[in-house]
PDB file of N, CA and C in Angstrom:
ATOM      1  N   MET A   1       0.767  -1.243  -0.202  1.00  0.00           N
ATOM      2  CA  MET A   1      -0.029  -0.124  -0.054  1.00  0.00           C
ATOM      3  C   MET A   1       0.909   1.059   0.057  1.00  0.00           C
ATOM      4  N   PHE A   2       0.144   2.258  -0.909  1.00  0.00           N
ATOM      5  CA  PHE A   2       1.013   3.648  -0.993  1.00  0.00           C
ATOM      6  C   PHE A   2       0.921   3.978   0.671  1.00  0.00           C
ATOM      7  N   GLY A   3       2.086   4.699   1.209  1.00  0.00           N
ATOM      8  CA  GLY A   3       2.561   5.271   2.166  1.00  0.00           C
ATOM      9  C   GLY A   3       2.631   4.749   3.513  1.00  0.00           C
ATOM     10  N   ARG A   4       3.251   3.086   3.327  1.00  0.00           N
ATOM     11  CA  ARG A   4       3.361   2.228   4.319  1.00  0.00           C
ATOM     12  C   ARG A   4       4.767   1.288   3.836  1.00  0.00           C
ATOM     13  N   GLU A   5       5.279   1.745   2.989  1.00  0.00           N
ATOM     14  CA  GLU A   5       6.451   1.066   2.869  1.00  0.00           C
ATOM     15  C   GLU A   5       7.735   1.527   3.626  1.00  0.00           C
ATOM     16  N   THR A   6       8.422   0.629   3.939  1.00  0.00           N
ATOM     17  CA  THR A   6       9.532   0.470   4.564  1.00  0.00           C
ATOM     18  C   THR A   6      10.654   1.501   4.316  1.00  0.00           C
ATOM     19  N   PRO A   7      11.527   2.303   4.414  1.00  0.00           N
ATOM     20  CA  PRO A   7      12.968   2.839   4.051  1.00  0.00           C
ATOM     21  C   PRO A   7      13.359   1.661   2.997  1.00  0.00           C
ATOM     22  N   GLU A   8      13.320   0.613   3.521  1.00  0.00           N
ATOM     23  CA  GLU A   8      14.612  -0.186   2.295  1.00  0.00           C
ATOM     24  C   GLU A   8      13.368  -0.739   1.500  1.00  0.00           C
ATOM     25  N   GLU A   9      12.383  -0.830   1.440  1.00  0.00           N
ATOM     26  CA  GLU A   9      11.435  -0.831   0.788  1.00  0.00           C
ATOM     27  C   GLU A   9      11.543   0.109  -1.042  1.00  0.00           C
ATOM     28  N   MET A  10      11.526   1.291  -0.368  1.00  0.00           N
ATOM     29  CA  MET A  10      11.362   2.318  -0.784  1.00  0.00           C
ATOM     30  C   MET A  10      12.641   2.589  -1.456  1.00  0.00           C
ATOM     31  N   ALA A  11      13.877   2.269  -0.874  1.00  0.00           N
ATOM     32  CA  ALA A  11      15.488   2.440  -1.333  1.00  0.00           C
ATOM     33  C   ALA A  11      15.156   1.142  -2.338  1.00  0.00           C
ATOM     34  N   GLN A  12      14.656   0.107  -2.304  1.00  0.00           N
ATOM     35  CA  GLN A  12      14.434  -0.819  -3.766  1.00  0.00           C
ATOM     36  C   GLN A  12      13.798  -0.193  -4.778  1.00  0.00           C
ATOM     37  N   GLU A  13      12.944   1.119  -4.500  1.00  0.00           N
ATOM     38  CA  GLU A  13      11.987   1.127  -5.841  1.00  0.00           C
ATOM     39  C   GLU A  13      12.953   2.211  -6.463  1.00  0.00           C
ATOM     40  N   MET A  14      13.559   3.120  -5.482  1.00  0.00           N
ATOM     41  CA  MET A  14      14.412   3.900  -6.021  1.00  0.00           C
ATOM     42  C   MET A  14      15.323   3.329  -6.988  1.00  0.00           C
ATOM     43  N   GLU A  15      15.841   2.314  -6.733  1.00  0.00           N
ATOM     44  CA  GLU A  15      17.033   1.805  -7.757  1.00  0.00           C
ATOM     45  C   GLU A  15      16.478   1.204  -8.428  1.00  0.00           C
ATOM     46  N   ARG A  16      15.276   0.722  -8.851  1.00  0.00           N
ATOM     47  CA  ARG A  16      14.866   0.723 -10.275  1.00  0.00           C
ATOM     48  C   ARG A  16      14.581   2.038 -10.536  1.00  0.00           C
ATOM     49  N   VAL A  17      14.385   3.480 -10.133  1.00  0.00           N
ATOM     50  CA  VAL A  17      13.821   4.163 -10.991  1.00  0.00           C
ATOM     51  C   VAL A  17      15.417   4.814 -11.234  1.00  0.00           C
ATOM     52  N   CYS A  18      16.606   4.763 -10.569  1.00  0.00           N
ATOM     53  CA  CYS A  18      17.902   4.892 -11.001  1.00  0.00           C
ATOM     54  C   CYS A  18      18.503   4.128 -12.230  1.00  0.00           C
ATOM     55  N   GLN A  19      17.857   3.104 -12.517  1.00  0.00           N
ATOM     56  CA  GLN A  19      18.371   2.140 -13.387  1.00  0.00           C
ATOM     57  C   GLN A  19      17.283   2.189 -14.923  1.00  0.00           C
ATOM     58  N   ALA A  20      16.444   2.649 -14.188  1.00  0.00           N
ATOM     59  CA  ALA A  20      15.479   3.064 -15.479  1.00  0.00           C
ATOM     60  C   ALA A  20      16.406   3.954 -16.176  1.00  0.00           C
ATOM     61  N   LEU A  21      16.302   5.126 -15.420  1.00  0.00           N
ATOM     62  CA  LEU A  21      17.030   6.420 -15.806  1.00  0.00           C
ATOM     63  C   LEU A  21      18.687   6.469 -16.491  1.00  0.00           C
ATOM     64  N   ALA A  22      19.409   5.345 -15.860  1.00  0.00           N
ATOM     65  CA  ALA A  22      20.401   5.130 -16.317  1.00  0.00           C
ATOM     66  C   ALA A  22      20.300   4.643 -17.501  1.00  0.00           C
ATOM     67  N   GLY A  23      19.338   3.747 -17.837  1.00  0.00           N
ATOM     68  CA  GLY A  23      19.557   3.450 -19.322  1.00  0.00           C
ATOM     69  C   GLY A  23      18.288   4.295 -20.685  1.00  0.00           C
ATOM     70  N   ALA A  24      17.718   5.273 -19.792  1.00  0.00           N
ATOM     71  CA  ALA A  24      16.877   6.569 -20.492  1.00  0.00           C
ATOM     72  C   ALA A  24      18.356   6.916 -21.140  1.00  0.00           C
ATOM     73  N   GLN A  25      19.068   7.355 -20.096  1.00  0.00           N
ATOM     74  CA  GLN A  25      20.873   8.175 -20.743  1.00  0.00           C
ATOM     75  C   GLN A  25      21.234   7.682 -21.321  1.00  0.00           C
ATOM     76  N   THR A  26      21.543   5.998 -21.601  1.00  0.00           N
ATOM     77  CA  THR A  26      21.916   5.785 -22.257  1.00  0.00           C
ATOM     78  C   THR A  26      21.830   5.744 -23.954  1.00  0.00           C
ATOM     79  N   PHE A  27      19.918   5.708 -23.700  1.00  0.00           N
ATOM     80  CA  PHE A  27      19.629   5.102 -24.995  1.00  0.00           C
ATOM     81  C   PHE A  27      19.446   7.520 -25.718  1.00  0.00           C
ATOM     82  N   LEU A  28      19.270   8.149 -24.976  1.00  0.00           N
ATOM     83  CA  LEU A  28      19.628   9.191 -25.277  1.00  0.00           C
ATOM     84  C   LEU A  28      20.577  10.076 -26.102  1.00  0.00           C
ATOM     85  N   ALA A  29      21.794   9.543 -25.269  1.00  0.00           N
ATOM     86  CA  ALA A  29      23.043   9.575 -25.913  1.00  0.00           C
ATOM     87  C   ALA A  29      23.104   8.701 -26.955  1.00  0.00           C
ATOM     88  N   GLY A  30      22.886   7.963 -27.123  1.00  0.00           N
ATOM     89  CA  GLY A  30      23.036   7.031 -28.555  1.00  0.00           C
ATOM     90  C   GLY A  30      22.300   8.085 -29.812  1.00  0.00           C
ATOM     91  N   LEU A  31      21.050   8.387 -29.367  1.00  0.00           N
ATOM     92  CA  LEU A  31      20.673   9.238 -30.726  1.00  0.00           C
ATOM     93  C   LEU A  31      20.671  10.650 -30.721  1.00  0.00           C
ATOM     94  N   ASP A  32      21.682  11.222 -29.539  1.00  0.00           N
ATOM     95  CA  ASP A  32      22.065  12.690 -29.819  1.00  0.00           C
ATOM     96  C   ASP A  32      23.139  12.176 -30.639  1.00  0.00           C
ATOM     97  N   GLN A  33      24.352  11.090 -30.322  1.00  0.00           N
ATOM     98  CA  GLN A  33      25.294  10.784 -31.594  1.00  0.00           C
ATOM     99  C   GLN A  33      24.777  10.558 -33.021  1.00  0.00           C
ATOM    100  N   ALA A  34      23.545  10.032 -32.814  1.00  0.00           N
ATOM    101  CA  ALA A  34      22.891   9.660 -33.892  1.00  0.00           C
ATOM    102  C   ALA A  34      22.691  10.741 -35.160  1.00  0.00           C
ATOM    103  N   ASP A  35      22.093  11.730 -33.999  1.00  0.00           N
ATOM    104  CA  ASP A  35      21.939  13.013 -35.209  1.00  0.00           C
ATOM    105  C   ASP A  35      23.014  14.024 -35.387  1.00  0.00           C
ATOM    106  N   SER A  36      23.684  13.699 -34.272  1.00  0.00           N
ATOM    107  CA  SER A  36      24.640  14.553 -34.835  1.00  0.00           C
ATOM    108  C   SER A  36      25.642  13.692 -36.226  1.00  0.00           C
ATOM    109  N   ALA A  37      25.530  12.635 -36.234  1.00  0.00           N
ATOM    110  CA  ALA A  37      26.747  12.111 -37.205  1.00  0.00           C
ATOM    111  C   ALA A  37      25.353  12.090 -38.827  1.00  0.00           C
ATOM    112  N   ARG A  38      23.631  12.343 -38.726  1.00  0.00           N
ATOM    113  CA  ARG A  38      23.501  12.828 -39.555  1.00  0.00           C
ATOM    114  C   ARG A  38      23.219  13.685 -39.966  1.00  0.00           C
ATOM    115  N   GLN A  39      23.754  15.060 -39.209  1.00  0.00           N
ATOM    116  CA  GLN A  39      23.838  16.056 -39.938  1.00  0.00           C
ATOM    117  C   GLN A  39      25.694  16.456 -40.055  1.00  0.00           C
ATOM    118  N   ARG A  40      26.342  15.294 -39.740  1.00  0.00           N
ATOM    119  CA  ARG A  40      27.417  15.535 -40.061  1.00  0.00           C
ATOM    120  C   ARG A  40      28.309  16.853 -39.428  1.00  0.00           C
ATOM    121  N   THR A  41      28.172  16.743 -38.161  1.00  0.00           N
ATOM    122  CA  THR A  41      28.735  17.863 -37.321  1.00  0.00           C
ATOM    123  C   THR A  41      29.851  17.143 -36.415  1.00  0.00           C
ATOM    124  N   THR A  42      31.411  18.369 -36.069  1.00  0.00           N
ATOM    125  CA  THR A  42      31.673  17.772 -35.349  1.00  0.00           C
ATOM    126  C   THR A  42      31.728  17.455 -33.950  1.00  0.00           C
ATOM    127  N   ARG A  43      30.487  17.804 -33.553  1.00  0.00           N
ATOM    128  CA  ARG A  43      30.181  18.576 -32.204  1.00  0.00           C
ATOM    129  C   ARG A  43      29.068  17.605 -31.724  1.00  0.00           C
ATOM    130  N   VAL A  44      29.010  16.900 -30.678  1.00  0.00           N
ATOM    131  CA  VAL A  44      28.093  15.729 -30.550  1.00  0.00           C
ATOM    132  C   VAL A  44      26.570  16.670 -29.782  1.00  0.00           C
ATOM    133  N   ALA A  45      25.640  16.582 -30.694  1.00  0.00           N
ATOM    134  CA  ALA A  45      24.556  17.062 -29.597  1.00  0.00           C
ATOM    135  C   ALA A  45      24.063  16.741 -28.658  1.00  0.00           C
ATOM    136  N   TYR A  46      23.607  18.137 -27.737  1.00  0.00           N
ATOM    137  CA  TYR A  46      23.294  17.393 -26.335  1.00  0.00           C
ATOM    138  C   TYR A  46      21.795  17.721 -25.971  1.00  0.00           C
ATOM    139  N   SER A  47      20.300  16.395 -26.329  1.00  0.00           N
ATOM    140  CA  SER A  47      19.221  17.828 -26.451  1.00  0.00           C
ATOM    141  C   SER A  47      18.958  17.657 -25.093  1.00  0.00           C
ATOM    142  N   PRO A  48      18.223  18.569 -24.768  1.00  0.00           N
ATOM    143  CA  PRO A  48      17.383  19.147 -23.586  1.00  0.00           C
ATOM    144  C   PRO A  48      16.945  18.253 -22.675  1.00  0.00           C
ATOM    145  N   LEU A  49      16.429  16.531 -23.553  1.00  0.00           N
ATOM    146  CA  LEU A  49      15.538  15.562 -22.966  1.00  0.00           C
ATOM    147  C   LEU A  49      16.471  15.033 -21.844  1.00  0.00           C
ATOM    148  N   ARG A  50      17.933  14.953 -22.858  1.00  0.00           N
ATOM    149  CA  ARG A  50      19.106  14.334 -22.042  1.00  0.00           C
ATOM    150  C   ARG A  50      19.763  14.605 -20.878  1.00  0.00           C
ATOM    151  N   THR A  51      19.665  16.323 -21.045  1.00  0.00           N
ATOM    152  CA  THR A  51      20.020  17.172 -19.722  1.00  0.00           C
ATOM    153  C   THR A  51      18.910  16.883 -18.485  1.00  0.00           C
ATOM    154  N   LEU A  52      17.582  17.159 -18.593  1.00  0.00           N
ATOM    155  CA  LEU A  52      16.192  16.488 -18.074  1.00  0.00           C
ATOM    156  C   LEU A  52      16.934  14.969 -16.810  1.00  0.00           C
ATOM    157  N   VAL A  53      16.979  14.126 -18.131  1.00  0.00           N
ATOM    158  CA  VAL A  53      17.195  12.963 -17.393  1.00  0.00           C
ATOM    159  C   VAL A  53      18.147  12.757 -16.684  1.00  0.00           C
ATOM    160  N   GLU A  54      19.595  13.354 -17.056  1.00  0.00           N
ATOM    161  CA  GLU A  54      20.820  13.296 -16.527  1.00  0.00           C
ATOM    162  C   GLU A  54      20.022  14.413 -14.869  1.00  0.00           C
ATOM    163  N   GLN A  55      19.364  15.418 -14.486  1.00  0.00           N
ATOM    164  CA  GLN A  55      19.386  16.034 -13.324  1.00  0.00           C
ATOM    165  C   GLN A  55      18.195  14.642 -12.580  1.00  0.00           C
ATOM    166  N   ALA A  56      17.477  14.565 -13.291  1.00  0.00           N
ATOM    167  CA  ALA A  56      16.684  13.524 -12.423  1.00  0.00           C
ATOM    168  C   ALA A  56      16.912  12.176 -11.783  1.00  0.00           C
ATOM    169  N   GLN A  57      18.612  11.956 -12.907  1.00  0.00           N
ATOM    170  CA  GLN A  57      19.502  10.711 -12.286  1.00  0.00           C
ATOM    171  C   GLN A  57      19.844  11.482 -10.724  1.00  0.00           C
ATOM    172  N   GLU A  58      20.488  12.502 -11.061  1.00  0.00           N
ATOM    173  CA  GLU A  58      21.546  13.113  -9.626  1.00  0.00           C
ATOM    174  C   GLU A  58      19.800  12.969  -8.695  1.00  0.00           C
ATOM    175  N   THR A  59      18.999  13.825  -9.075  1.00  0.00           N
ATOM    176  CA  THR A  59      18.308  13.177  -7.939  1.00  0.00           C
ATOM    177  C   THR A  59      17.673  12.272  -7.191  1.00  0.00           C
ATOM    178  N   ALA A  60      17.651  11.494  -8.154  1.00  0.00           N
ATOM    179  CA  ALA A  60      17.291  10.098  -7.320  1.00  0.00           C
ATOM    180  C   ALA A  60      18.270   9.361  -7.078  1.00  0.00           C
ATOM    181  N   ASP A  61      19.494  10.076  -6.960  1.00  0.00           N
ATOM    182  CA  ASP A  61      20.672   9.196  -6.441  1.00  0.00           C
ATOM    183  C   ASP A  61      20.859   9.822  -5.047  1.00  0.00           C
ATOM    184  N   ARG A  62      20.438  11.105  -5.341  1.00  0.00           N
ATOM    185  CA  ARG A  62      20.612  11.472  -3.897  1.00  0.00           C
ATOM    186  C   ARG A  62      19.443  11.190  -3.154  1.00  0.00           C
ATOM    187  N   VAL A  63      18.161  11.210  -3.176  1.00  0.00           N
ATOM    188  CA  VAL A  63      16.952  10.045  -2.305  1.00  0.00           C
ATOM    189  C   VAL A  63      17.333   9.083  -1.941  1.00  0.00           C
ATOM    190  N   LEU A  64      17.807   7.991  -2.916  1.00  0.00           N
ATOM    191  CA  LEU A  64      18.550   6.881  -2.972  1.00  0.00           C
ATOM    192  C   LEU A  64      19.830   6.560  -1.625  1.00  0.00           C
ATOM    193  N   ALA A  65      20.562   7.818  -1.383  1.00  0.00           N
ATOM    194  CA  ALA A  65      21.692   7.903  -0.439  1.00  0.00           C
ATOM    195  C   ALA A  65      20.965   8.180   0.527  1.00  0.00           C
ATOM    196  N   TYR A  66      19.906   8.586   0.896  1.00  0.00           N
ATOM    197  CA  TYR A  66      19.253   9.462   1.969  1.00  0.00           C
ATOM    198  C   TYR A  66      18.522   8.421   2.790  1.00  0.00           C
ATOM    199  N   LEU A  67      17.908   7.886   1.557  1.00  0.00           N
ATOM    200  CA  LEU A  67      16.975   6.751   2.205  1.00  0.00           C
ATOM    201  C   LEU A  67      17.796   5.529   2.862  1.00  0.00           C
ATOM    202  N   ARG A  68      18.890   5.067   2.314  1.00  0.00           N
ATOM    203  CA  ARG A  68      19.925   4.176   2.155  1.00  0.00           C
ATOM    204  C   ARG A  68      20.707   4.457   4.070  1.00  0.00           C
ATOM    205  N   SER A  69      20.643   5.840   4.367  1.00  0.00           N
ATOM    206  CA  SER A  69      21.273   6.747   5.614  1.00  0.00           C
ATOM    207  C   SER A  69      20.332   6.414   6.545  1.00  0.00           C
ATOM    208  N   GLY A  70      18.885   6.443   5.655  1.00  0.00           N
ATOM    209  CA  GLY A  70      18.160   6.338   6.997  1.00  0.00           C
ATOM    210  C   GLY A  70      17.856   4.803   7.377  1.00  0.00           C
ATOM    211  N   THR A  71      18.030   4.046   6.741  1.00  0.00           N
ATOM    212  CA  THR A  71      18.234   2.465   7.379  1.00  0.00           C
ATOM    213  C   THR A  71      19.319   1.848   7.642  1.00  0.00           C
ATOM    214  N   VAL A  72      20.084   2.874   7.782  1.00  0.00           N
ATOM    215  CA  VAL A  72      21.490   1.843   8.475  1.00  0.00           C
ATOM    216  C   VAL A  72      21.127   2.789   9.803  1.00  0.00           C
ATOM    217  N   GLU A  73      21.196   2.040  11.333  1.00  0.00           N
ATOM    218  CA  GLU A  73      20.830   2.182  12.502  1.00  0.00           C
ATOM    219  C   GLU A  73      22.452   2.063  13.124  1.00  0.00           C
TER     220      GLU A  73
END
């Protein structure tokens, strides 16, 4: 049930979120490289969505660290 999870369970959920965001980052990096190759530019494109996902990853990592620190007694 929502709201009754233990910190350990919430940390496990955040680990899944972090894994999903890491996969999305890799996918978006590949899309950016493909876009740069298609445009034949020497500079690799860096999409705003990729920046947003990276920021979400950083936040998720901080939340996960917080949850883990709360579970260590």
